[in-house]
Amino acid sequence: MEFGDAVKMVRADLNLTQKELAKRCNLSPSGLSHFESGRRPPSLKHLRNIREALGCSYDLLLDTKGTLE
């Protein structure tokens, strides 16, 4: 699973809109949209902010354990 798909999945599970998550991450909604669509990768700072706002692990967002296929 790609990063953007993982963000969308967790965001949906938390019943958050893009706008709500963007606000929690100190991002513009269009910036978050770029990450979710895969048009732009997040910086480490934005990755950290998104992970903290979603309350999930880096492994989940980045599929580092290979468990989200």
PDB file of N, CA and C in Angstrom:
ATOM      1  N   MET A   1       0.846  -1.179   0.000  1.00  0.00           N
ATOM      2  CA  MET A   1       0.000   0.000   0.000  1.00  0.00           C
ATOM      3  C   MET A   1       0.888   1.237   0.000  1.00  0.00           C
ATOM      4  N   GLU A   2       0.535   2.194  -0.804  1.00  0.00           N
ATOM      5  CA  GLU A   2       1.281   3.447  -0.895  1.00  0.00           C
ATOM      6  C   GLU A   2       0.960   4.343   0.302  1.00  0.00           C
ATOM      7  N   PHE A   3       1.860   5.285   0.569  1.00  0.00           N
ATOM      8  CA  PHE A   3       1.694   6.217   1.677  1.00  0.00           C
ATOM      9  C   PHE A   3       0.341   6.927   1.624  1.00  0.00           C
ATOM     10  N   GLY A   4       0.007   7.506   0.478  1.00  0.00           N
ATOM     11  CA  GLY A   4      -1.247   8.253   0.352  1.00  0.00           C
ATOM     12  C   GLY A   4      -2.467   7.399   0.626  1.00  0.00           C
ATOM     13  N   ASP A   5      -2.441   6.161   0.164  1.00  0.00           N
ATOM     14  CA  ASP A   5      -3.558   5.251   0.417  1.00  0.00           C
ATOM     15  C   ASP A   5      -3.679   4.932   1.906  1.00  0.00           C
ATOM     16  N   ALA A   6      -2.538   4.767   2.566  1.00  0.00           N
ATOM     17  CA  ALA A   6      -2.552   4.483   4.004  1.00  0.00           C
ATOM     18  C   ALA A   6      -3.116   5.677   4.774  1.00  0.00           C
ATOM     19  N   VAL A   7      -2.713   6.888   4.394  1.00  0.00           N
ATOM     20  CA  VAL A   7      -3.233   8.085   5.058  1.00  0.00           C
ATOM     21  C   VAL A   7      -4.746   8.168   4.872  1.00  0.00           C
ATOM     22  N   LYS A   8      -5.207   7.959   3.647  1.00  0.00           N
ATOM     23  CA  LYS A   8      -6.650   8.013   3.377  1.00  0.00           C
ATOM     24  C   LYS A   8      -7.404   6.969   4.199  1.00  0.00           C
ATOM     25  N   MET A   9      -6.840   5.762   4.291  1.00  0.00           N
ATOM     26  CA  MET A   9      -7.489   4.684   5.019  1.00  0.00           C
ATOM     27  C   MET A   9      -7.628   5.034   6.499  1.00  0.00           C
ATOM     28  N   VAL A  10      -6.545   5.475   7.109  1.00  0.00           N
ATOM     29  CA  VAL A  10      -6.586   5.799   8.535  1.00  0.00           C
ATOM     30  C   VAL A  10      -7.477   7.017   8.770  1.00  0.00           C
ATOM     31  N   ARG A  11      -7.377   8.004   7.895  1.00  0.00           N
ATOM     32  CA  ARG A  11      -8.204   9.209   8.021  1.00  0.00           C
ATOM     33  C   ARG A  11      -9.683   8.835   7.957  1.00  0.00           C
ATOM     34  N   ALA A  12     -10.039   7.951   7.038  1.00  0.00           N
ATOM     35  CA  ALA A  12     -11.431   7.508   6.910  1.00  0.00           C
ATOM     36  C   ALA A  12     -11.875   6.732   8.150  1.00  0.00           C
ATOM     37  N   ASP A  13     -10.995   5.880   8.675  1.00  0.00           N
ATOM     38  CA  ASP A  13     -11.320   5.126   9.893  1.00  0.00           C
ATOM     39  C   ASP A  13     -11.604   6.058  11.067  1.00  0.00           C
ATOM     40  N   LEU A  14     -10.946   7.218  11.082  1.00  0.00           N
ATOM     41  CA  LEU A  14     -11.142   8.198  12.151  1.00  0.00           C
ATOM     42  C   LEU A  14     -12.255   9.192  11.834  1.00  0.00           C
ATOM     43  N   ASN A  15     -12.924   9.002  10.692  1.00  0.00           N
ATOM     44  CA  ASN A  15     -13.995   9.894  10.248  1.00  0.00           C
ATOM     45  C   ASN A  15     -13.548  11.354  10.168  1.00  0.00           C
ATOM     46  N   LEU A  16     -12.345  11.556   9.633  1.00  0.00           N
ATOM     47  CA  LEU A  16     -11.819  12.908   9.436  1.00  0.00           C
ATOM     48  C   LEU A  16     -11.892  13.283   7.965  1.00  0.00           C
ATOM     49  N   THR A  17     -12.213  14.529   7.695  1.00  0.00           N
ATOM     50  CA  THR A  17     -12.130  15.033   6.328  1.00  0.00           C
ATOM     51  C   THR A  17     -10.687  15.433   6.054  1.00  0.00           C
ATOM     52  N   GLN A  18     -10.365  15.629   4.780  1.00  0.00           N
ATOM     53  CA  GLN A  18      -9.026  16.139   4.446  1.00  0.00           C
ATOM     54  C   GLN A  18      -8.783  17.469   5.136  1.00  0.00           C
ATOM     55  N   LYS A  19      -9.786  18.312   5.134  1.00  0.00           N
ATOM     56  CA  LYS A  19      -9.652  19.633   5.749  1.00  0.00           C
ATOM     57  C   LYS A  19      -9.356  19.525   7.248  1.00  0.00           C
ATOM     58  N   GLU A  20     -10.049  18.626   7.933  1.00  0.00           N
ATOM     59  CA  GLU A  20      -9.823  18.446   9.374  1.00  0.00           C
ATOM     60  C   GLU A  20      -8.420  17.916   9.661  1.00  0.00           C
ATOM     61  N   LEU A  21      -8.002  16.911   8.892  1.00  0.00           N
ATOM     62  CA  LEU A  21      -6.662  16.366   9.095  1.00  0.00           C
ATOM     63  C   LEU A  21      -5.599  17.392   8.750  1.00  0.00           C
ATOM     64  N   ALA A  22      -5.789  18.120   7.676  1.00  0.00           N
ATOM     65  CA  ALA A  22      -4.827  19.149   7.286  1.00  0.00           C
ATOM     66  C   ALA A  22      -4.645  20.162   8.403  1.00  0.00           C
ATOM     67  N   LYS A  23      -5.741  20.570   9.015  1.00  0.00           N
ATOM     68  CA  LYS A  23      -5.665  21.542  10.112  1.00  0.00           C
ATOM     69  C   LYS A  23      -4.873  20.970  11.281  1.00  0.00           C
ATOM     70  N   ARG A  24      -5.129  19.710  11.621  1.00  0.00           N
ATOM     71  CA  ARG A  24      -4.399  19.068  12.724  1.00  0.00           C
ATOM     72  C   ARG A  24      -2.901  18.959  12.433  1.00  0.00           C
ATOM     73  N   CYS A  25      -2.552  18.872  11.146  1.00  0.00           N
ATOM     74  CA  CYS A  25      -1.155  18.699  10.732  1.00  0.00           C
ATOM     75  C   CYS A  25      -0.471  20.019  10.385  1.00  0.00           C
ATOM     76  N   ASN A  26      -1.216  21.113  10.475  1.00  0.00           N
ATOM     77  CA  ASN A  26      -0.682  22.416  10.086  1.00  0.00           C
ATOM     78  C   ASN A  26      -0.283  22.428   8.610  1.00  0.00           C
ATOM     79  N   LEU A  27      -1.161  21.854   7.786  1.00  0.00           N
ATOM     80  CA  LEU A  27      -0.988  21.804   6.336  1.00  0.00           C
ATOM     81  C   LEU A  27      -2.182  22.469   5.672  1.00  0.00           C
ATOM     82  N   SER A  28      -2.009  22.842   4.435  1.00  0.00           N
ATOM     83  CA  SER A  28      -3.161  23.278   3.652  1.00  0.00           C
ATOM     84  C   SER A  28      -3.885  22.020   3.175  1.00  0.00           C
ATOM     85  N   PRO A  29      -5.200  22.108   2.974  1.00  0.00           N
ATOM     86  CA  PRO A  29      -5.909  20.941   2.441  1.00  0.00           C
ATOM     87  C   PRO A  29      -5.339  20.485   1.097  1.00  0.00           C
ATOM     88  N   SER A  30      -4.899  21.434   0.262  1.00  0.00           N
ATOM     89  CA  SER A  30      -4.327  21.032  -1.029  1.00  0.00           C
ATOM     90  C   SER A  30      -2.990  20.312  -0.838  1.00  0.00           C
ATOM     91  N   GLY A  31      -2.220  20.715   0.167  1.00  0.00           N
ATOM     92  CA  GLY A  31      -0.966  20.025   0.457  1.00  0.00           C
ATOM     93  C   GLY A  31      -1.206  18.586   0.861  1.00  0.00           C
ATOM     94  N   LEU A  32      -2.192  18.378   1.732  1.00  0.00           N
ATOM     95  CA  LEU A  32      -2.534  17.022   2.143  1.00  0.00           C
ATOM     96  C   LEU A  32      -3.042  16.215   0.953  1.00  0.00           C
ATOM     97  N   SER A  33      -3.819  16.864   0.106  1.00  0.00           N
ATOM     98  CA  SER A  33      -4.324  16.194  -1.102  1.00  0.00           C
ATOM     99  C   SER A  33      -3.180  15.712  -1.986  1.00  0.00           C
ATOM    100  N   HIS A  34      -2.129  16.513  -2.110  1.00  0.00           N
ATOM    101  CA  HIS A  34      -0.961  16.110  -2.905  1.00  0.00           C
ATOM    102  C   HIS A  34      -0.322  14.847  -2.324  1.00  0.00           C
ATOM    103  N   PHE A  35      -0.240  14.769  -1.001  1.00  0.00           N
ATOM    104  CA  PHE A  35       0.348  13.584  -0.367  1.00  0.00           C
ATOM    105  C   PHE A  35      -0.539  12.364  -0.569  1.00  0.00           C
ATOM    106  N   GLU A  36      -1.848  12.546  -0.361  1.00  0.00           N
ATOM    107  CA  GLU A  36      -2.766  11.414  -0.483  1.00  0.00           C
ATOM    108  C   GLU A  36      -2.845  10.886  -1.915  1.00  0.00           C
ATOM    109  N   SER A  37      -2.715  11.773  -2.881  1.00  0.00           N
ATOM    110  CA  SER A  37      -2.817  11.341  -4.282  1.00  0.00           C
ATOM    111  C   SER A  37      -1.489  10.825  -4.829  1.00  0.00           C
ATOM    112  N   GLY A  38      -0.407  11.019  -4.086  1.00  0.00           N
ATOM    113  CA  GLY A  38       0.900  10.571  -4.537  1.00  0.00           C
ATOM    114  C   GLY A  38       1.595  11.541  -5.474  1.00  0.00           C
ATOM    115  N   ARG A  39       1.032  12.731  -5.634  1.00  0.00           N
ATOM    116  CA  ARG A  39       1.664  13.720  -6.520  1.00  0.00           C
ATOM    117  C   ARG A  39       2.936  14.301  -5.914  1.00  0.00           C
ATOM    118  N   ARG A  40       3.041  14.240  -4.585  1.00  0.00           N
ATOM    119  CA  ARG A  40       4.218  14.794  -3.919  1.00  0.00           C
ATOM    120  C   ARG A  40       4.474  13.999  -2.644  1.00  0.00           C
ATOM    121  N   PRO A  41       5.719  13.636  -2.374  1.00  0.00           N
ATOM    122  CA  PRO A  41       6.006  12.933  -1.118  1.00  0.00           C
ATOM    123  C   PRO A  41       6.106  13.941   0.033  1.00  0.00           C
ATOM    124  N   PRO A  42       5.767  13.525   1.234  1.00  0.00           N
ATOM    125  CA  PRO A  42       5.865  14.439   2.371  1.00  0.00           C
ATOM    126  C   PRO A  42       7.312  14.597   2.829  1.00  0.00           C
ATOM    127  N   SER A  43       7.609  15.746   3.380  1.00  0.00           N
ATOM    128  CA  SER A  43       8.906  15.936   4.042  1.00  0.00           C
ATOM    129  C   SER A  43       8.862  15.137   5.341  1.00  0.00           C
ATOM    130  N   LEU A  44      10.000  14.971   5.983  1.00  0.00           N
ATOM    131  CA  LEU A  44      10.016  14.258   7.263  1.00  0.00           C
ATOM    132  C   LEU A  44       9.165  14.977   8.298  1.00  0.00           C
ATOM    133  N   LYS A  45       9.196  16.300   8.279  1.00  0.00           N
ATOM    134  CA  LYS A  45       8.383  17.089   9.216  1.00  0.00           C
ATOM    135  C   LYS A  45       6.901  16.821   8.990  1.00  0.00           C
ATOM    136  N   HIS A  46       6.467  16.840   7.728  1.00  0.00           N
ATOM    137  CA  HIS A  46       5.055  16.601   7.441  1.00  0.00           C
ATOM    138  C   HIS A  46       4.671  15.156   7.746  1.00  0.00           C
ATOM    139  N   LEU A  47       5.561  14.226   7.474  1.00  0.00           N
ATOM    140  CA  LEU A  47       5.305  12.826   7.800  1.00  0.00           C
ATOM    141  C   LEU A  47       5.074  12.667   9.296  1.00  0.00           C
ATOM    142  N   ARG A  48       5.922  13.280  10.090  1.00  0.00           N
ATOM    143  CA  ARG A  48       5.789  13.216  11.552  1.00  0.00           C
ATOM    144  C   ARG A  48       4.462  13.830  11.994  1.00  0.00           C
ATOM    145  N   ASN A  49       4.126  14.999  11.451  1.00  0.00           N
ATOM    146  CA  ASN A  49       2.880  15.664  11.832  1.00  0.00           C
ATOM    147  C   ASN A  49       1.654  14.829  11.466  1.00  0.00           C
ATOM    148  N   ILE A  50       1.673  14.229  10.293  1.00  0.00           N
ATOM    149  CA  ILE A  50       0.554  13.385   9.864  1.00  0.00           C
ATOM    150  C   ILE A  50       0.437  12.171  10.769  1.00  0.00           C
ATOM    151  N   ARG A  51       1.559  11.518  11.056  1.00  0.00           N
ATOM    152  CA  ARG A  51       1.546  10.344  11.928  1.00  0.00           C
ATOM    153  C   ARG A  51       1.003  10.701  13.304  1.00  0.00           C
ATOM    154  N   GLU A  52       1.454  11.815  13.861  1.00  0.00           N
ATOM    155  CA  GLU A  52       0.979  12.228  15.182  1.00  0.00           C
ATOM    156  C   GLU A  52      -0.520  12.552  15.159  1.00  0.00           C
ATOM    157  N   ALA A  53      -0.975  13.234  14.121  1.00  0.00           N
ATOM    158  CA  ALA A  53      -2.388  13.609  14.026  1.00  0.00           C
ATOM    159  C   ALA A  53      -3.279  12.379  13.870  1.00  0.00           C
ATOM    160  N   LEU A  54      -2.791  11.361  13.185  1.00  0.00           N
ATOM    161  CA  LEU A  54      -3.572  10.146  12.982  1.00  0.00           C
ATOM    162  C   LEU A  54      -3.421   9.157  14.133  1.00  0.00           C
ATOM    163  N   GLY A  55      -2.394   9.344  14.955  1.00  0.00           N
ATOM    164  CA  GLY A  55      -2.177   8.454  16.090  1.00  0.00           C
ATOM    165  C   GLY A  55      -1.829   7.041  15.677  1.00  0.00           C
ATOM    166  N   CYS A  56      -1.054   6.920  14.606  1.00  0.00           N
ATOM    167  CA  CYS A  56      -0.669   5.588  14.133  1.00  0.00           C
ATOM    168  C   CYS A  56       0.853   5.497  14.024  1.00  0.00           C
ATOM    169  N   SER A  57       1.325   4.344  13.636  1.00  0.00           N
ATOM    170  CA  SER A  57       2.764   4.126  13.547  1.00  0.00           C
ATOM    171  C   SER A  57       3.306   4.516  12.166  1.00  0.00           C
ATOM    172  N   TYR A  58       4.604   4.747  12.134  1.00  0.00           N
ATOM    173  CA  TYR A  58       5.270   4.956  10.850  1.00  0.00           C
ATOM    174  C   TYR A  58       5.155   3.698   9.997  1.00  0.00           C
ATOM    175  N   ASP A  59       5.248   2.539  10.654  1.00  0.00           N
ATOM    176  CA  ASP A  59       5.144   1.273   9.916  1.00  0.00           C
ATOM    177  C   ASP A  59       3.842   1.190   9.136  1.00  0.00           C
ATOM    178  N   LEU A  60       2.764   1.621   9.743  1.00  0.00           N
ATOM    179  CA  LEU A  60       1.474   1.574   9.065  1.00  0.00           C
ATOM    180  C   LEU A  60       1.463   2.503   7.855  1.00  0.00           C
ATOM    181  N   LEU A  61       1.958   3.713   8.034  1.00  0.00           N
ATOM    182  CA  LEU A  61       1.935   4.690   6.941  1.00  0.00           C
ATOM    183  C   LEU A  61       2.913   4.355   5.822  1.00  0.00           C
ATOM    184  N   LEU A  62       4.033   3.761   6.185  1.00  0.00           N
ATOM    185  CA  LEU A  62       5.087   3.520   5.203  1.00  0.00           C
ATOM    186  C   LEU A  62       5.194   2.061   4.788  1.00  0.00           C
ATOM    187  N   ASP A  63       4.361   1.208   5.359  1.00  0.00           N
ATOM    188  CA  ASP A  63       4.358  -0.220   5.036  1.00  0.00           C
ATOM    189  C   ASP A  63       5.749  -0.831   5.175  1.00  0.00           C
ATOM    190  N   THR A  64       6.470  -0.449   6.232  1.00  0.00           N
ATOM    191  CA  THR A  64       7.835  -0.940   6.396  1.00  0.00           C
ATOM    192  C   THR A  64       7.897  -2.396   6.835  1.00  0.00           C
ATOM    193  N   LYS A  65       6.801  -2.930   7.305  1.00  0.00           N
ATOM    194  CA  LYS A  65       6.794  -4.348   7.687  1.00  0.00           C
ATOM    195  C   LYS A  65       6.189  -5.215   6.600  1.00  0.00           C
ATOM    196  N   GLY A  66       5.716  -4.619   5.528  1.00  0.00           N
ATOM    197  CA  GLY A  66       5.161  -5.376   4.433  1.00  0.00           C
ATOM    198  C   GLY A  66       3.857  -6.077   4.744  1.00  0.00           C
ATOM    199  N   THR A  67       3.065  -5.514   5.667  1.00  0.00           N
ATOM    200  CA  THR A  67       1.844  -6.192   6.098  1.00  0.00           C
ATOM    201  C   THR A  67       0.565  -5.599   5.522  1.00  0.00           C
ATOM    202  N   LEU A  68       0.649  -4.593   4.683  1.00  0.00           N
ATOM    203  CA  LEU A  68      -0.561  -3.918   4.224  1.00  0.00           C
ATOM    204  C   LEU A  68      -0.945  -4.240   2.780  1.00  0.00           C
ATOM    205  N   GLU A  69      -0.452  -5.275   2.224  1.00  0.00           N
ATOM    206  CA  GLU A  69      -0.737  -5.558   0.823  1.00  0.00           C
ATOM    207  C   GLU A  69      -2.055  -6.134   0.683  1.00  0.00           C
TER     208      GLU A  69
END
